[in-house]
Amino acid sequence: MAEHRITLIEARALRPRYLAGKVSGPTLGDALVLSHVALLVLAALTLIAGVAVVLLDAAVERDKDRALAVYQSDAEIRIHSASANAAEALERAVEARIDALTTTERSAMLVREAAALNAQAPVAGPPAAEARPTADPVVEKVVDRTLSSDQRARIVEVLLQHPGRVTVLSVRGAEAEKYAGALKVLFSVSGWTVESGVVTQPRNPLAPLSVVLGFSEQDLAVRQAFEAAGVAVADRTRSPIDQPTTIYVGS
């Protein structure tokens, strides 16, 4: 028994060591608290990172939308500018073709008149009634056959949508042939295949402008082109010699 007794001095010496070891050592509760705190901090960091990613994506999308809007605006401006330049170039080309055709037809008319005068020069003293030329009297009638720039642009705009084949016929006469030439140029620059000719002795009098049209896309385009330009046309009865799409220019 004496061997297992601990003196008071030894007990006092051992008590602080036991208490110190008990207080300073980590417990299971402390570890659980620390793990919970760590999880909360990690969750908070994850939430903050998610919010940051969402905000960053939203900012990137806004930048993309602004860049796309600026690009579309610039593209529309370039398209409008190119369309305006193309329209101006087409208008200049049409006017140049009409002027050239008018000059050519005027020269041909002068040659024909000179040949007619030379042929009539040897004839002496014909009766007054027989001296009158047998050409159609509509040649002497002057009709305003000018198309404004806006009318030409409207006609070409419609004809470009459905190009096809058209025949333009006119009576003899400076004004009628000039007007027919202007129409041929408009159809030609619109991508149409144009055939032309002169009607010397029409069986039925020709209206200033008449058409022989059916119901194809090309025929409807011709009618719509004249309507868009405000040009009055009359419908003419189809004859066996008429082509599918035919335009007559009378006096």
Protein backbone atom coordinates (compact mmCIF):
# COMPACT_ATOMS: atom_id res chain seq x y z
CA MET A 1 0.00 0.00 0.00
CA ALA A 2 2.81 2.29 0.84
CA GLU A 3 4.19 1.93 -2.65
CA HIS A 4 1.00 3.23 -4.32
CA ARG A 5 0.59 6.27 -2.21
CA ILE A 6 1.25 9.61 -3.80
CA THR A 7 2.45 12.36 -1.65
CA LEU A 8 0.77 15.76 -1.60
CA ILE A 9 3.73 17.36 -3.16
CA GLU A 10 3.70 14.94 -6.10
CA ALA A 11 -0.07 15.39 -6.55
CA ARG A 12 0.30 19.15 -6.67
CA ALA A 13 3.09 18.75 -9.20
CA LEU A 14 1.04 16.47 -11.46
CA ARG A 15 -2.26 18.47 -11.38
CA PRO A 16 -1.08 21.46 -13.47
CA ARG A 17 0.33 19.15 -16.10
CA TYR A 18 -2.99 17.30 -16.42
CA LEU A 19 -5.02 20.45 -16.51
CA ALA A 20 -2.70 22.06 -19.05
CA GLY A 21 -2.93 19.05 -21.33
CA LYS A 22 -6.70 19.01 -21.05
CA VAL A 23 -7.16 22.72 -21.86
CA SER A 24 -4.66 23.09 -24.69
CA GLY A 25 -5.56 19.93 -26.69
CA PRO A 26 -8.13 20.36 -29.62
CA THR A 27 -11.45 18.69 -29.15
CA LEU A 28 -13.87 17.10 -31.67
CA GLY A 29 -16.31 19.98 -31.25
CA ASP A 30 -13.64 22.48 -32.15
CA ALA A 31 -12.85 20.51 -35.32
CA LEU A 32 -16.54 20.42 -36.31
CA VAL A 33 -16.89 24.16 -35.81
CA LEU A 34 -13.82 24.84 -37.88
CA SER A 35 -15.08 22.57 -40.69
CA HIS A 36 -18.46 24.32 -40.67
CA VAL A 37 -16.77 27.70 -40.84
CA ALA A 38 -14.60 26.50 -43.72
CA LEU A 39 -17.66 25.20 -45.58
CA LEU A 40 -19.48 28.50 -45.09
CA VAL A 41 -16.46 30.45 -46.33
CA LEU A 42 -16.15 28.13 -49.36
CA ALA A 43 -19.88 28.48 -50.11
CA ALA A 44 -19.62 32.26 -49.84
CA LEU A 45 -16.62 32.31 -52.15
CA THR A 46 -18.45 30.03 -54.62
CA LEU A 47 -21.50 32.31 -54.58
CA ILE A 48 -19.36 35.38 -55.09
CA ALA A 49 -17.54 33.69 -57.96
CA GLY A 50 -20.87 32.67 -59.55
CA VAL A 51 -22.24 36.21 -59.28
CA ALA A 52 -19.01 37.56 -60.77
CA VAL A 53 -19.23 35.11 -63.68
CA VAL A 54 -22.88 36.07 -64.34
CA LEU A 55 -22.07 39.76 -64.25
CA LEU A 56 -19.06 39.22 -66.52
CA ASP A 57 -21.16 37.23 -69.02
CA ALA A 58 -23.81 39.94 -69.00
CA ALA A 59 -21.18 42.60 -69.65
CA VAL A 60 -19.70 40.53 -72.49
CA GLU A 61 -23.16 40.05 -74.06
CA ARG A 62 -23.86 43.79 -73.82
CA ASP A 63 -20.56 44.51 -75.52
CA LYS A 64 -21.39 41.99 -78.25
CA ASP A 65 -24.85 43.53 -78.75
CA ARG A 66 -23.38 47.02 -79.01
CA ALA A 67 -20.72 45.84 -81.43
CA LEU A 68 -23.35 44.01 -83.53
CA ALA A 69 -25.61 47.07 -83.56
CA VAL A 70 -22.74 49.28 -84.69
CA TYR A 71 -21.79 46.78 -87.40
CA GLN A 72 -25.37 46.52 -88.65
CA SER A 73 -25.72 50.28 -88.71
CA ASP A 74 -22.48 50.66 -90.68
CA ALA A 75 -23.55 47.86 -93.05
CA GLU A 76 -26.92 49.52 -93.70
CA ILE A 77 -25.22 52.84 -94.38
CA ARG A 78 -22.81 51.16 -96.83
CA ILE A 79 -25.68 49.30 -98.53
CA HIS A 80 -27.74 52.48 -98.94
CA SER A 81 -24.72 54.33 -100.26
CA ALA A 82 -23.92 51.55 -102.72
CA SER A 83 -27.57 51.40 -103.87
CA ALA A 84 -27.63 55.15 -104.42
CA ASN A 85 -24.38 55.03 -106.38
CA ALA A 86 -25.66 52.12 -108.47
CA ALA A 87 -28.91 53.96 -109.19
CA GLU A 88 -27.01 57.06 -110.26
CA ALA A 89 -24.69 55.01 -112.47
CA LEU A 90 -27.66 53.23 -114.04
CA GLU A 91 -29.40 56.54 -114.65
CA ARG A 92 -26.33 57.97 -116.34
CA ALA A 93 -25.95 54.82 -118.47
CA VAL A 94 -29.61 54.98 -119.53
CA GLU A 95 -29.35 58.65 -120.44
CA ALA A 96 -26.15 58.02 -122.40
CA ARG A 97 -27.72 55.12 -124.30
CA ILE A 98 -30.83 57.15 -125.09
CA ASP A 99 -28.76 60.11 -126.28
CA ALA A 100 -26.60 57.87 -128.47
CA LEU A 101 -29.63 56.09 -129.90
CA THR A 102 -31.38 59.39 -130.53
CA THR A 103 -28.34 60.72 -132.37
CA THR A 104 -28.10 57.56 -134.47
CA GLU A 105 -31.77 57.61 -135.36
CA ARG A 106 -31.65 61.32 -136.19
CA SER A 107 -28.70 60.71 -138.50
CA ALA A 108 -30.55 57.85 -140.18
CA MET A 109 -33.61 60.07 -140.57
CA LEU A 110 -31.53 62.80 -142.24
CA VAL A 111 -30.02 60.24 -144.61
CA ARG A 112 -33.48 58.97 -145.56
CA GLU A 113 -34.78 62.50 -146.11
CA ALA A 114 -31.78 63.38 -148.27
CA ALA A 115 -32.29 60.22 -150.33
CA ALA A 116 -35.96 61.06 -150.75
CA LEU A 117 -35.12 64.59 -151.92
CA ASN A 118 -32.60 63.26 -154.43
CA ALA A 119 -35.16 60.81 -155.76
CA GLN A 120 -37.78 63.54 -156.18
CA ALA A 121 -35.44 66.08 -157.79
CA PRO A 122 -35.72 64.78 -161.44
CA VAL A 123 -39.53 64.84 -161.34
CA ALA A 124 -40.81 68.03 -163.10
CA GLY A 125 -44.18 69.66 -162.67
CA PRO A 126 -46.20 66.99 -160.89
CA PRO A 127 -49.76 67.84 -159.98
CA ALA A 128 -50.18 69.38 -156.58
CA ALA A 129 -52.23 66.47 -155.35
CA GLU A 130 -49.63 63.91 -156.44
CA ALA A 131 -46.68 65.79 -155.01
CA ARG A 132 -47.69 64.97 -151.43
CA PRO A 133 -45.67 62.14 -149.93
CA THR A 134 -47.42 58.87 -149.33
CA ALA A 135 -45.95 58.47 -145.87
CA ASP A 136 -48.27 58.30 -142.92
CA PRO A 137 -49.60 61.73 -141.98
CA VAL A 138 -48.78 60.97 -138.36
CA VAL A 139 -45.13 61.84 -139.09
CA GLU A 140 -46.00 65.52 -139.13
CA LYS A 141 -47.77 65.31 -135.79
CA VAL A 142 -45.49 66.23 -132.90
CA VAL A 143 -46.20 64.38 -129.68
CA ASP A 144 -44.37 64.79 -126.39
CA ARG A 145 -42.60 61.48 -125.96
CA THR A 146 -40.14 62.29 -123.18
CA LEU A 147 -39.69 60.19 -120.06
CA SER A 148 -38.42 61.90 -116.93
CA SER A 149 -35.57 60.48 -114.86
CA ASP A 150 -38.02 59.34 -112.20
CA GLN A 151 -40.20 57.56 -114.79
CA ARG A 152 -37.20 55.78 -116.30
CA ALA A 153 -35.99 54.71 -112.86
CA ARG A 154 -39.43 53.32 -111.94
CA ILE A 155 -39.69 51.37 -115.20
CA VAL A 156 -36.21 49.86 -114.82
CA GLU A 157 -36.84 49.00 -111.15
CA VAL A 158 -39.86 46.86 -112.08
CA LEU A 159 -38.39 45.32 -115.24
CA LEU A 160 -35.25 44.15 -113.41
CA GLN A 161 -37.35 41.77 -111.30
CA HIS A 162 -38.61 39.62 -114.21
CA PRO A 163 -36.38 39.90 -117.31
CA GLY A 164 -37.66 38.29 -120.47
CA ARG A 165 -38.10 38.93 -124.17
CA VAL A 166 -40.02 41.85 -125.70
CA THR A 167 -40.71 43.17 -129.20
CA VAL A 168 -40.98 46.95 -129.71
CA LEU A 169 -42.62 48.09 -132.96
CA SER A 170 -43.22 51.65 -134.09
CA VAL A 171 -44.65 53.51 -137.04
CA ARG A 172 -42.42 55.64 -139.23
CA GLY A 173 -41.76 59.07 -137.80
CA ALA A 174 -39.14 60.87 -135.79
CA GLU A 175 -41.08 61.11 -132.54
CA ALA A 176 -42.45 57.57 -132.60
CA GLU A 177 -39.09 56.01 -133.50
CA LYS A 178 -37.30 58.08 -130.86
CA TYR A 179 -39.79 57.02 -128.19
CA ALA A 180 -39.50 53.38 -129.27
CA GLY A 181 -35.72 53.69 -129.07
CA ALA A 182 -35.95 55.03 -125.52
CA LEU A 183 -38.15 52.08 -124.52
CA LYS A 184 -35.70 49.64 -126.11
CA VAL A 185 -32.86 51.10 -124.06
CA LEU A 186 -34.84 50.80 -120.83
CA PHE A 187 -35.67 47.15 -121.51
CA SER A 188 -32.11 46.40 -122.60
CA VAL A 189 -30.44 47.84 -119.48
CA SER A 190 -32.97 45.88 -117.38
CA GLY A 191 -31.67 42.58 -118.76
CA TRP A 192 -34.38 41.99 -121.35
CA THR A 193 -33.85 40.64 -124.85
CA VAL A 194 -35.29 43.27 -127.19
CA GLU A 195 -36.42 42.83 -130.78
CA SER A 196 -37.55 45.86 -132.77
CA GLY A 197 -39.07 46.81 -136.07
CA VAL A 198 -41.07 49.40 -137.99
CA VAL A 199 -44.72 49.06 -138.98
CA THR A 200 -45.15 50.64 -142.41
CA GLN A 201 -48.82 50.06 -143.11
CA PRO A 202 -50.70 48.92 -140.00
CA ARG A 203 -54.12 47.42 -140.72
CA ASN A 204 -55.59 49.19 -137.69
CA PRO A 205 -54.51 52.66 -136.52
CA LEU A 206 -51.97 52.51 -133.71
CA ALA A 207 -52.52 54.28 -130.40
CA PRO A 208 -49.67 56.41 -129.08
CA LEU A 209 -48.66 53.45 -126.92
CA SER A 210 -50.35 50.05 -126.92
CA VAL A 211 -49.39 46.57 -125.75
CA VAL A 212 -50.18 42.99 -126.61
CA LEU A 213 -49.72 41.12 -123.35
CA GLY A 214 -50.73 37.84 -121.79
CA PHE A 215 -50.60 36.72 -118.17
CA SER A 216 -46.99 35.60 -117.74
CA GLU A 217 -44.67 37.16 -115.15
CA GLN A 218 -42.93 39.10 -117.90
CA ASP A 219 -46.21 40.45 -119.32
CA LEU A 220 -47.38 41.49 -115.87
CA ALA A 221 -43.99 43.14 -115.24
CA VAL A 222 -44.35 45.21 -118.42
CA ARG A 223 -47.81 46.38 -117.40
CA GLN A 224 -46.69 47.15 -113.84
CA ALA A 225 -43.64 49.06 -115.10
CA PHE A 226 -45.78 51.42 -117.17
CA GLU A 227 -48.26 51.80 -114.31
CA ALA A 228 -45.46 52.59 -111.84
CA ALA A 229 -44.16 55.31 -114.17
CA GLY A 230 -47.64 56.74 -114.79
CA VAL A 231 -47.46 56.00 -118.53
CA ALA A 232 -50.85 55.33 -120.12
CA VAL A 233 -51.02 52.28 -122.39
CA ALA A 234 -53.85 50.74 -124.37
CA ASP A 235 -54.47 47.04 -124.89
CA ARG A 236 -54.29 45.90 -128.49
CA THR A 237 -55.93 42.80 -129.91
CA ARG A 238 -53.38 40.10 -130.64
CA SER A 239 -52.81 39.28 -134.29
CA PRO A 240 -51.25 36.10 -135.71
CA ILE A 241 -47.93 37.89 -136.29
CA ASP A 242 -47.64 39.35 -132.78
CA GLN A 243 -44.97 38.01 -130.49
CA PRO A 244 -45.91 36.94 -126.91
CA THR A 245 -44.91 40.33 -125.48
CA THR A 246 -45.25 43.17 -127.97
CA ILE A 247 -45.26 46.95 -127.56
CA TYR A 248 -46.57 49.23 -130.32
CA VAL A 249 -45.58 52.89 -130.52
CA GLY A 250 -47.94 54.89 -132.69
CA SER A 251 -48.34 58.52 -133.53
